[in-house]
Amino acid sequence: MTLYYDAVSDDYHNAPGVQTRVPHFGSTKSLLYLDPRLKHITGYMAPLVESLEKIGYVNDETLFGAPYDFRYGLAPEGHPCHVGSKFLEDLTHLVENASTSNGGKPVILVSHSLGGLFALQLLNRNPPSWRRKFIKHLVALCAPWGGTVDEMLTFASGNTLGVPLVDPLLVRGEQRSSESNLWLMPNPEIFGRKNPLVITPNATYSASDVPRFLDDIGFGEGVHPYKTRVLGLMEELVAPGVPITCVVGSGVKTAETLFYGSNSFDEQPEIVYGDGDGTVNMVSLLAHESLWSDTKNQTLKTIRVPGVSHTAMLKDEDALDEIVREISGINSQLSFVENVRVQ
């Protein structure tokens, strides 16, 4: 599972001899469960897909899926990114084909978590004319627009993601290697350049100190790709020019500050919690408001679902009701192009 960054080619790749594939692109089939053999305990998007099917969506006809190798991220212009760029290319074609096969109607993009950042890049990397023709709305669930403090814990001391009986240090190396994890480090523009996020006896780290933080935790090889690839993406949080609804969980304790009693990052820190969805901090979930509320011709809407966590957003009944209600409402409206024409 470990990825490797090659400074010569300036890109990420699998371990030598390892090949990976993402099956069923275009279908929701591979998004339903983390493990189809353990459906009862590894459900992912199955409840959401079932809820959409109840209001008339049909898989492979009006409902499509875009699964992705979550380890890979994207890179700004001027840097190669073979996996991420190919995904955006495939996703662009999927959107166009979905629209064409349904009478030219613009599509509704629904993303979860990191998918929101990919959706934003997809929109911003296509011209306004393309967006007006093919995209009706973006519904972003739990989008980590500004990253998370939880990623600093992951890089420093490992993160079991709630899996019991696992030593976080055993998975730390693999987690550090994921390009997408580096992309999800706290954005200085969102978290502030001086707000302390990690505190040790000898040092304090804010979102603007991530390069020094990576070096001090013993992951110096991550500094170059962070500076050259990730920071550029963080600066590209540009309003996409299509209506956006962000559905976020709130009121779930979320890591806000990490306190280390010693200078060793091999131990687990004391955590001070704040508001969020248990994974993404509220300041990141609501970054679209601070970034784009004053942007001309940019429609924003936020739906908060109290007590719903990052993963529960895809299976909690109240959350699913909100999502389906929003999508049904979008479908009952005139298309984005028609709205512009009427105005």
Protein backbone atom coordinates (compact mmCIF):
# COMPACT_ATOMS: atom_id res chain seq x y z
CA MET A 1 0.00 0.00 0.00
CA THR A 2 2.99 2.32 0.40
CA LEU A 3 3.46 5.00 -2.24
CA TYR A 4 6.82 6.41 -3.23
CA TYR A 5 7.68 9.91 -4.39
CA ASP A 6 10.30 10.05 -7.13
CA ALA A 7 12.04 13.42 -7.08
CA VAL A 8 13.44 12.87 -10.58
CA SER A 9 10.07 12.32 -12.24
CA ASP A 10 8.33 14.54 -9.65
CA ASP A 11 5.48 12.06 -9.21
CA TYR A 12 4.17 9.28 -6.97
CA HIS A 13 4.10 5.57 -7.84
CA ASN A 14 3.52 2.15 -6.30
CA ALA A 15 6.25 -0.01 -4.85
CA PRO A 16 8.29 -1.74 -7.58
CA GLY A 17 6.42 -4.77 -8.87
CA VAL A 18 3.08 -3.66 -7.41
CA GLN A 19 0.15 -2.84 -9.67
CA THR A 20 -3.20 -1.53 -8.50
CA ARG A 21 -6.50 -0.99 -10.28
CA VAL A 22 -9.83 0.62 -9.46
CA PRO A 23 -12.68 -1.55 -10.78
CA HIS A 24 -16.09 -0.52 -12.10
CA PHE A 25 -15.37 3.12 -12.91
CA GLY A 26 -18.63 4.74 -13.96
CA SER A 27 -20.75 2.49 -11.77
CA THR A 28 -21.63 2.78 -8.08
CA LYS A 29 -20.85 -0.94 -7.66
CA SER A 30 -17.40 -0.52 -6.10
CA LEU A 31 -18.54 2.36 -3.88
CA LEU A 32 -21.14 0.38 -1.96
CA TYR A 33 -18.88 -1.53 0.46
CA LEU A 34 -15.26 -1.40 1.55
CA ASP A 35 -15.31 -5.20 1.30
CA PRO A 36 -18.19 -6.80 -0.64
CA ARG A 37 -17.59 -10.04 1.28
CA LEU A 38 -18.31 -8.26 4.59
CA LYS A 39 -21.28 -6.14 3.60
CA HIS A 40 -22.81 -5.90 7.07
CA ILE A 41 -19.78 -4.26 8.65
CA THR A 42 -18.08 -2.47 5.75
CA GLY A 43 -20.90 -0.46 4.21
CA TYR A 44 -19.71 2.75 2.56
CA MET A 45 -22.03 4.44 0.05
CA ALA A 46 -24.64 1.66 -0.08
CA PRO A 47 -27.19 3.52 2.12
CA LEU A 48 -26.81 6.71 0.05
CA VAL A 49 -27.16 4.84 -3.24
CA GLU A 50 -30.23 3.00 -1.96
CA SER A 51 -31.78 6.30 -0.84
CA LEU A 52 -31.24 7.81 -4.28
CA GLU A 53 -32.68 4.74 -5.98
CA LYS A 54 -35.83 5.16 -3.90
CA ILE A 55 -36.47 8.56 -5.50
CA GLY A 56 -36.02 7.20 -9.01
CA TYR A 57 -32.31 7.08 -9.79
CA VAL A 58 -31.12 4.03 -11.74
CA ASN A 59 -27.54 2.79 -11.61
CA ASP A 60 -25.68 3.08 -14.92
CA GLU A 61 -28.55 5.09 -16.40
CA THR A 62 -29.07 8.18 -14.25
CA LEU A 63 -26.72 7.31 -11.37
CA PHE A 64 -22.99 6.89 -11.87
CA GLY A 65 -19.95 6.37 -9.68
CA ALA A 66 -16.36 7.59 -9.87
CA PRO A 67 -14.22 5.40 -7.55
CA TYR A 68 -10.61 6.42 -7.04
CA ASP A 69 -7.34 5.20 -5.50
CA PHE A 70 -7.51 7.38 -2.40
CA ARG A 71 -3.76 7.28 -1.80
CA TYR A 72 -3.04 9.60 -4.71
CA GLY A 73 -3.67 13.33 -4.77
CA LEU A 74 -3.31 15.99 -7.43
CA ALA A 75 -0.63 18.50 -8.31
CA PRO A 76 -0.75 22.11 -9.53
CA GLU A 77 0.04 23.09 -13.10
CA GLY A 78 3.61 22.38 -14.08
CA HIS A 79 3.89 19.17 -12.05
CA PRO A 80 3.14 15.68 -13.39
CA CYS A 81 0.45 13.64 -11.68
CA HIS A 82 -0.32 10.62 -13.82
CA VAL A 83 -2.94 8.96 -11.61
CA GLY A 84 -4.78 12.09 -10.50
CA SER A 85 -4.77 13.70 -13.94
CA LYS A 86 -6.08 10.51 -15.55
CA PHE A 87 -8.89 10.40 -12.97
CA LEU A 88 -9.97 13.97 -13.75
CA GLU A 89 -9.87 13.17 -17.46
CA ASP A 90 -12.03 10.08 -16.95
CA LEU A 91 -14.39 11.99 -14.66
CA THR A 92 -14.80 14.74 -17.26
CA HIS A 93 -15.79 12.14 -19.86
CA LEU A 94 -18.15 10.45 -17.39
CA VAL A 95 -19.94 13.73 -16.74
CA GLU A 96 -20.25 14.46 -20.45
CA ASN A 97 -21.53 10.97 -21.25
CA ALA A 98 -24.01 11.03 -18.36
CA SER A 99 -25.40 14.32 -19.62
CA THR A 100 -25.54 13.21 -23.25
CA SER A 101 -27.30 9.94 -22.42
CA ASN A 102 -29.96 11.87 -20.49
CA GLY A 103 -31.03 14.34 -23.11
CA GLY A 104 -28.28 16.89 -22.49
CA LYS A 105 -29.38 17.66 -18.94
CA PRO A 106 -26.62 19.03 -16.70
CA VAL A 107 -25.52 16.70 -13.91
CA ILE A 108 -25.46 16.95 -10.13
CA LEU A 109 -22.06 16.08 -8.67
CA VAL A 110 -22.21 14.46 -5.23
CA SER A 111 -18.90 14.11 -3.39
CA HIS A 112 -17.83 12.84 0.01
CA SER A 113 -14.76 13.98 1.96
CA LEU A 114 -11.64 14.14 -0.27
CA GLY A 115 -13.98 13.82 -3.24
CA GLY A 116 -14.99 17.44 -2.64
CA LEU A 117 -11.44 18.62 -3.33
CA PHE A 118 -11.30 16.54 -6.51
CA ALA A 119 -14.68 17.91 -7.60
CA LEU A 120 -13.47 21.47 -7.05
CA GLN A 121 -10.36 20.82 -9.12
CA LEU A 122 -12.45 19.20 -11.85
CA LEU A 123 -14.63 22.29 -12.07
CA ASN A 124 -11.82 24.82 -11.91
CA ARG A 125 -9.76 22.99 -14.53
CA ASN A 126 -12.61 23.06 -17.05
CA PRO A 127 -13.71 26.32 -18.72
CA PRO A 128 -16.84 28.20 -17.56
CA SER A 129 -18.65 27.23 -20.76
CA TRP A 130 -18.15 23.54 -19.93
CA ARG A 131 -19.39 24.04 -16.37
CA ARG A 132 -22.50 25.88 -17.55
CA LYS A 133 -23.31 23.16 -20.04
CA PHE A 134 -22.63 20.06 -17.97
CA ILE A 135 -22.91 20.91 -14.25
CA LYS A 136 -26.13 21.84 -12.51
CA HIS A 137 -24.97 21.67 -8.89
CA LEU A 138 -22.27 20.35 -6.58
CA VAL A 139 -23.42 18.68 -3.37
CA ALA A 140 -20.32 18.30 -1.19
CA LEU A 141 -20.62 16.07 1.87
CA CYS A 142 -18.07 16.69 4.65
CA ALA A 143 -15.61 18.39 2.30
CA PRO A 144 -12.28 19.14 4.04
CA TRP A 145 -11.72 22.38 2.14
CA GLY A 146 -8.93 23.47 4.46
CA GLY A 147 -7.56 20.11 5.59
CA THR A 148 -7.64 18.74 9.14
CA VAL A 149 -5.63 18.75 12.36
CA ASP A 150 -6.23 14.99 12.41
CA GLU A 151 -3.70 14.69 9.57
CA MET A 152 -0.97 16.14 11.79
CA LEU A 153 -1.70 13.35 14.27
CA THR A 154 -1.57 10.82 11.44
CA PHE A 155 1.84 12.01 10.27
CA ALA A 156 3.31 12.43 13.74
CA SER A 157 2.13 9.32 15.56
CA GLY A 158 0.00 7.23 13.21
CA ASN A 159 -3.78 6.89 13.20
CA THR A 160 -5.69 3.63 13.58
CA LEU A 161 -8.92 5.30 12.36
CA GLY A 162 -10.79 3.60 15.17
CA VAL A 163 -9.65 0.07 14.33
CA PRO A 164 -9.01 -1.76 17.64
CA LEU A 165 -5.88 -3.71 18.60
CA VAL A 166 -3.68 -1.95 16.04
CA ASP A 167 -0.49 -0.13 17.03
CA PRO A 168 -0.67 3.27 15.25
CA LEU A 169 3.10 3.22 14.76
CA LEU A 170 2.76 0.14 12.56
CA VAL A 171 0.66 2.02 10.01
CA ARG A 172 2.38 5.40 10.32
CA GLY A 173 4.91 4.83 7.55
CA GLU A 174 2.28 3.81 5.01
CA GLN A 175 0.02 6.71 6.00
CA ARG A 176 2.87 9.19 5.60
CA SER A 177 3.48 7.91 2.08
CA SER A 178 -0.02 8.75 0.81
CA GLU A 179 0.02 11.80 -1.43
CA SER A 180 -3.58 12.59 -0.47
CA ASN A 181 -2.75 12.69 3.25
CA LEU A 182 -0.14 15.35 2.57
CA TRP A 183 -2.78 17.33 0.64
CA LEU A 184 -5.06 17.21 3.70
CA MET A 185 -2.63 18.95 6.03
CA PRO A 186 -4.17 22.12 7.58
CA ASN A 187 -4.27 25.00 5.12
CA PRO A 188 -2.61 28.14 6.59
CA GLU A 189 -5.20 30.38 4.96
CA ILE A 190 -8.00 28.52 6.73
CA PHE A 191 -6.46 27.58 10.09
CA GLY A 192 -4.40 30.74 10.46
CA ARG A 193 -0.67 31.16 10.19
CA LYS A 194 0.02 31.47 13.91
CA ASN A 195 -2.68 29.39 15.59
CA PRO A 196 -0.87 26.56 17.47
CA LEU A 197 -1.98 23.11 16.36
CA VAL A 198 0.80 20.90 17.75
CA ILE A 199 2.69 21.74 20.95
CA THR A 200 5.78 19.97 22.33
CA PRO A 201 8.15 20.97 25.16
CA ASN A 202 10.57 22.49 22.64
CA ALA A 203 8.43 23.59 19.71
CA THR A 204 5.02 24.80 18.62
CA TYR A 205 3.66 24.23 15.13
CA SER A 206 0.94 26.11 13.27
CA ALA A 207 -0.41 25.38 9.79
CA SER A 208 2.33 27.57 8.33
CA ASP A 209 4.97 25.44 10.07
CA VAL A 210 4.14 22.17 8.31
CA PRO A 211 7.53 21.89 6.51
CA ARG A 212 9.39 22.23 9.82
CA PHE A 213 6.89 19.87 11.45
CA LEU A 214 7.48 17.20 8.78
CA ASP A 215 11.22 17.49 9.25
CA ASP A 216 11.01 17.30 13.04
CA ILE A 217 8.82 14.18 13.08
CA GLY A 218 11.40 12.39 10.93
CA PHE A 219 9.64 12.70 7.57
CA GLY A 220 11.98 15.13 5.86
CA GLU A 221 11.34 13.47 2.49
CA GLY A 222 7.84 14.91 2.60
CA VAL A 223 9.01 18.54 2.74
CA HIS A 224 9.85 18.94 -0.97
CA PRO A 225 6.58 17.53 -2.38
CA TYR A 226 4.63 19.50 0.23
CA LYS A 227 6.27 22.78 -0.78
CA THR A 228 6.21 22.20 -4.53
CA ARG A 229 2.95 20.26 -5.01
CA VAL A 230 0.62 20.66 -2.02
CA LEU A 231 0.97 24.38 -1.26
CA GLY A 232 0.04 25.17 -4.85
CA LEU A 233 -3.19 23.19 -4.48
CA MET A 234 -4.00 24.96 -1.22
CA GLU A 235 -3.79 28.25 -3.05
CA GLU A 236 -6.24 27.02 -5.70
CA LEU A 237 -9.38 27.10 -3.53
CA VAL A 238 -11.16 29.18 -6.16
CA ALA A 239 -14.95 29.42 -6.34
CA PRO A 240 -16.05 27.06 -9.12
CA GLY A 241 -18.89 29.18 -10.47
CA VAL A 242 -21.60 26.52 -10.08
CA PRO A 243 -24.15 26.34 -7.23
CA ILE A 244 -22.78 24.49 -4.21
CA THR A 245 -24.51 22.88 -1.25
CA CYS A 246 -22.24 21.74 1.57
CA VAL A 247 -23.72 19.20 3.97
CA VAL A 248 -21.65 19.00 7.14
CA GLY A 249 -21.79 17.20 10.45
CA SER A 250 -21.39 19.28 13.61
CA GLY A 251 -21.17 18.87 17.35
CA VAL A 252 -18.81 15.88 17.18
CA LYS A 253 -15.57 16.29 19.12
CA THR A 254 -12.73 16.80 16.66
CA ALA A 255 -8.99 17.07 17.30
CA GLU A 256 -8.06 20.75 17.48
CA THR A 257 -4.72 20.88 19.32
CA LEU A 258 -2.18 18.11 20.00
CA PHE A 259 -0.01 18.26 23.15
CA TYR A 260 3.08 16.06 23.38
CA GLY A 261 4.54 15.63 26.88
CA SER A 262 7.97 14.86 25.45
CA ASN A 263 9.77 15.55 22.21
CA SER A 264 9.07 12.01 20.97
CA PHE A 265 6.35 11.64 18.38
CA ASP A 266 6.28 7.88 18.94
CA GLU A 267 3.84 8.45 21.79
CA GLN A 268 0.21 9.43 21.46
CA PRO A 269 -0.51 13.06 22.38
CA GLU A 270 -3.06 14.57 24.70
CA ILE A 271 -5.78 15.96 22.46
CA VAL A 272 -7.85 19.08 22.96
CA TYR A 273 -11.08 18.77 21.02
CA GLY A 274 -13.22 21.32 19.24
CA ASP A 275 -16.22 21.34 16.93
CA GLY A 276 -16.40 19.39 13.69
CA ASP A 277 -17.51 16.01 12.38
CA GLY A 278 -14.97 13.95 14.31
CA THR A 279 -12.47 14.06 11.44
CA VAL A 280 -12.69 17.49 9.82
CA ASN A 281 -12.61 20.69 11.89
CA MET A 282 -15.55 23.07 11.59
CA VAL A 283 -13.32 25.88 10.28
CA SER A 284 -12.42 23.60 7.36
CA LEU A 285 -15.95 22.31 6.75
CA LEU A 286 -17.21 25.91 6.54
CA ALA A 287 -14.26 27.33 4.61
CA HIS A 288 -16.44 27.73 1.52
CA GLU A 289 -18.34 30.45 3.36
CA SER A 290 -15.25 32.43 4.37
CA LEU A 291 -13.65 31.97 0.95
CA TRP A 292 -16.53 32.42 -1.49
CA SER A 293 -19.46 34.19 0.21
CA ASP A 294 -18.55 37.48 -1.47
CA THR A 295 -17.79 35.95 -4.88
CA LYS A 296 -20.02 37.29 -7.64
CA ASN A 297 -22.45 34.80 -9.19
CA GLN A 298 -21.47 32.08 -6.71
CA THR A 299 -24.43 30.40 -5.00
CA LEU A 300 -23.63 28.80 -1.63
CA LYS A 301 -25.75 26.82 0.78
CA THR A 302 -24.79 25.06 4.01
CA ILE A 303 -26.77 22.31 5.71
CA ARG A 304 -25.63 21.29 9.20
CA VAL A 305 -26.61 17.90 10.58
CA PRO A 306 -25.98 17.94 14.36
CA GLY A 307 -24.26 14.95 15.91
CA VAL A 308 -23.41 13.26 12.61
CA SER A 309 -19.81 12.19 12.11
CA HIS A 310 -17.69 12.17 8.97
CA THR A 311 -18.48 8.54 8.11
CA ALA A 312 -22.03 8.52 9.51
CA MET A 313 -22.96 11.19 6.94
CA LEU A 314 -23.38 8.36 4.42
CA LYS A 315 -25.66 6.17 6.56
CA ASP A 316 -27.37 8.25 9.25
CA GLU A 317 -31.10 8.50 8.51
CA ASP A 318 -31.36 12.21 9.30
CA ALA A 319 -28.33 12.96 7.14
CA LEU A 320 -29.63 10.87 4.24
CA ASP A 321 -33.00 12.60 4.48
CA GLU A 322 -31.29 15.99 4.21
CA ILE A 323 -29.17 14.89 1.25
CA VAL A 324 -32.07 13.35 -0.65
CA ARG A 325 -34.29 16.35 0.09
CA GLU A 326 -31.62 18.70 -1.27
CA ILE A 327 -31.07 16.66 -4.43
CA SER A 328 -34.82 16.42 -5.02
CA GLY A 329 -35.06 20.18 -4.63
CA ILE A 330 -32.25 20.75 -7.11
CA ASN A 331 -33.98 18.48 -9.62
CA SER A 332 -37.18 20.46 -9.29
CA GLN A 333 -35.42 23.70 -10.25
CA LEU A 334 -34.66 25.00 -13.70
CA SER A 335 -31.20 24.12 -14.95
CA PHE A 336 -28.34 26.45 -14.11
CA VAL A 337 -28.22 27.62 -17.73
CA GLU A 338 -31.95 28.35 -17.71
CA ASN A 339 -31.67 30.26 -14.44
CA VAL A 340 -29.02 32.50 -15.92
CA ARG A 341 -31.14 33.09 -19.01
CA VAL A 342 -34.22 34.03 -16.95
CA GLN A 343 -32.30 36.51 -14.84
